[in-house]
């Protein structure tokens, strides 16, 4: 039934709005292994497992944002910003790498350019 499938699609879309990040937050996990956090649920679990040394006001704010998303009071992108701020503040945000400068000025050997 079209109406039923449309209704489920709307429910799924609303659920995505409150749980799935449009862009993952890449953090160092454990002994420095990069990991993408893509949902509010993953962010909350990661925040709960952070060492107590990292449990600052910024951490508390990120946890509260997750709880607000669970209650559908804020959307996932609000949580994403809060989690990224915490990760950056605590030194656990994986820096973005721009590979373009590394590739400029490369010379192709003459035997390969023909």
Protein backbone atom coordinates (compact mmCIF):
# COMPACT_ATOMS: atom_id res chain seq x y z
CA UNK A 1 0.00 0.00 0.00
CA UNK A 2 1.44 3.38 -1.10
CA UNK A 3 0.11 5.23 1.96
CA UNK A 4 1.61 2.71 4.34
CA UNK A 5 5.02 2.74 2.65
CA UNK A 6 4.97 6.54 2.52
CA UNK A 7 4.13 6.69 6.22
CA UNK A 8 6.98 4.38 7.09
CA UNK A 9 9.32 6.45 4.95
CA UNK A 10 8.34 9.55 6.91
CA UNK A 11 8.91 7.75 10.20
CA UNK A 12 12.31 6.55 8.98
CA UNK A 13 13.24 10.06 7.82
CA UNK A 14 12.27 11.55 11.20
CA UNK A 15 14.28 8.85 12.97
CA UNK A 16 17.30 9.63 10.77
CA UNK A 17 16.96 13.32 11.64
CA UNK A 18 17.40 12.51 15.32
CA UNK A 19 19.97 9.71 15.10
CA UNK A 20 22.15 9.77 11.95
CA UNK A 21 24.85 12.39 11.30
CA UNK A 22 25.09 13.80 7.78
CA UNK A 23 28.89 13.76 8.09
CA UNK A 24 30.66 11.37 10.49
CA UNK A 25 32.80 12.63 13.36
CA UNK A 26 36.19 10.89 13.08
CA UNK A 27 37.78 10.34 16.48
CA UNK A 28 40.73 8.49 17.93
CA UNK A 29 39.48 5.43 19.77
CA UNK A 30 41.36 3.23 22.22
CA UNK A 31 45.08 3.37 21.49
CA UNK A 32 44.77 5.95 18.74
CA UNK A 33 42.82 4.04 16.12
CA UNK A 34 40.61 6.36 14.00
CA UNK A 35 36.91 5.54 14.12
CA UNK A 36 33.90 7.20 12.49
CA UNK A 37 30.96 8.03 14.70
CA UNK A 38 27.88 8.21 12.51
CA UNK A 39 24.93 8.11 14.91
CA UNK A 40 23.82 9.70 18.16
CA UNK A 41 23.72 6.23 19.69
CA UNK A 42 27.39 5.60 18.77
CA UNK A 43 28.34 9.06 20.06
CA UNK A 44 26.62 8.42 23.38
CA UNK A 45 28.35 5.04 23.80
CA UNK A 46 31.74 6.60 22.94
CA UNK A 47 31.17 9.45 25.39
CA UNK A 48 30.21 7.00 28.14
CA UNK A 49 33.46 5.10 27.60
CA UNK A 50 35.73 8.16 27.69
CA UNK A 51 38.29 8.25 30.47
CA UNK A 52 37.36 10.36 33.48
CA UNK A 53 40.20 12.79 32.73
CA UNK A 54 38.22 13.88 29.64
CA UNK A 55 34.93 14.34 31.49
CA UNK A 56 34.88 18.12 31.44
CA UNK A 57 32.03 20.59 30.96
CA UNK A 58 32.37 20.08 27.20
CA UNK A 59 31.90 16.32 27.74
CA UNK A 60 28.82 16.90 29.90
CA UNK A 61 27.40 19.17 27.19
CA UNK A 62 27.89 16.49 24.51
CA UNK A 63 26.23 13.83 26.70
CA UNK A 64 23.30 16.16 27.35
CA UNK A 65 22.97 16.79 23.61
CA UNK A 66 22.76 13.03 23.00
CA UNK A 67 20.07 12.66 25.65
CA UNK A 68 18.14 15.56 24.13
CA UNK A 69 18.27 13.86 20.71
CA UNK A 70 16.98 10.62 22.25
CA UNK A 71 14.03 12.69 23.51
CA UNK A 72 13.72 14.27 20.03
CA UNK A 73 14.40 17.74 21.45
CA UNK A 74 17.40 18.39 19.17
CA UNK A 75 18.43 16.93 15.83
CA UNK A 76 21.47 14.78 15.08
CA UNK A 77 23.45 17.65 13.58
CA UNK A 78 23.24 19.55 16.88
CA UNK A 79 24.66 16.48 18.59
CA UNK A 80 27.33 16.12 15.90
CA UNK A 81 28.59 19.65 16.50
CA UNK A 82 28.67 19.08 20.26
CA UNK A 83 30.52 15.76 19.92
CA UNK A 84 33.02 17.25 17.45
CA UNK A 85 33.64 20.17 19.85
CA UNK A 86 34.29 17.71 22.69
CA UNK A 87 36.58 15.55 20.54
CA UNK A 88 38.57 18.59 19.44
CA UNK A 89 38.74 19.97 23.00
CA UNK A 90 40.02 16.65 24.35
CA UNK A 91 42.51 16.05 21.51
CA UNK A 92 40.62 13.05 20.15
CA UNK A 93 39.36 14.56 16.88
CA UNK A 94 41.21 13.10 13.90
CA UNK A 95 42.54 16.05 11.89
CA UNK A 96 41.37 16.40 8.32
CA UNK A 97 44.17 15.87 5.84
CA UNK A 98 44.30 17.86 2.64
CA UNK A 99 46.12 15.76 0.07
CA UNK A 100 45.96 18.35 -2.72
CA UNK A 101 49.18 20.19 -1.74
CA UNK A 102 51.06 16.91 -1.66
CA UNK A 103 50.10 16.12 -5.25
CA UNK A 104 50.81 19.49 -6.83
CA UNK A 105 54.07 19.85 -8.62
CA UNK A 106 54.57 16.14 -9.18
CA UNK A 107 56.41 15.39 -12.36
CA UNK A 108 55.57 12.40 -14.48
CA UNK A 109 58.69 10.61 -15.73
CA UNK A 110 59.13 11.21 -19.45
CA UNK A 111 58.88 7.49 -20.24
CA UNK A 112 55.35 7.45 -18.73
CA UNK A 113 54.06 10.65 -20.29
CA UNK A 114 54.15 9.45 -23.90
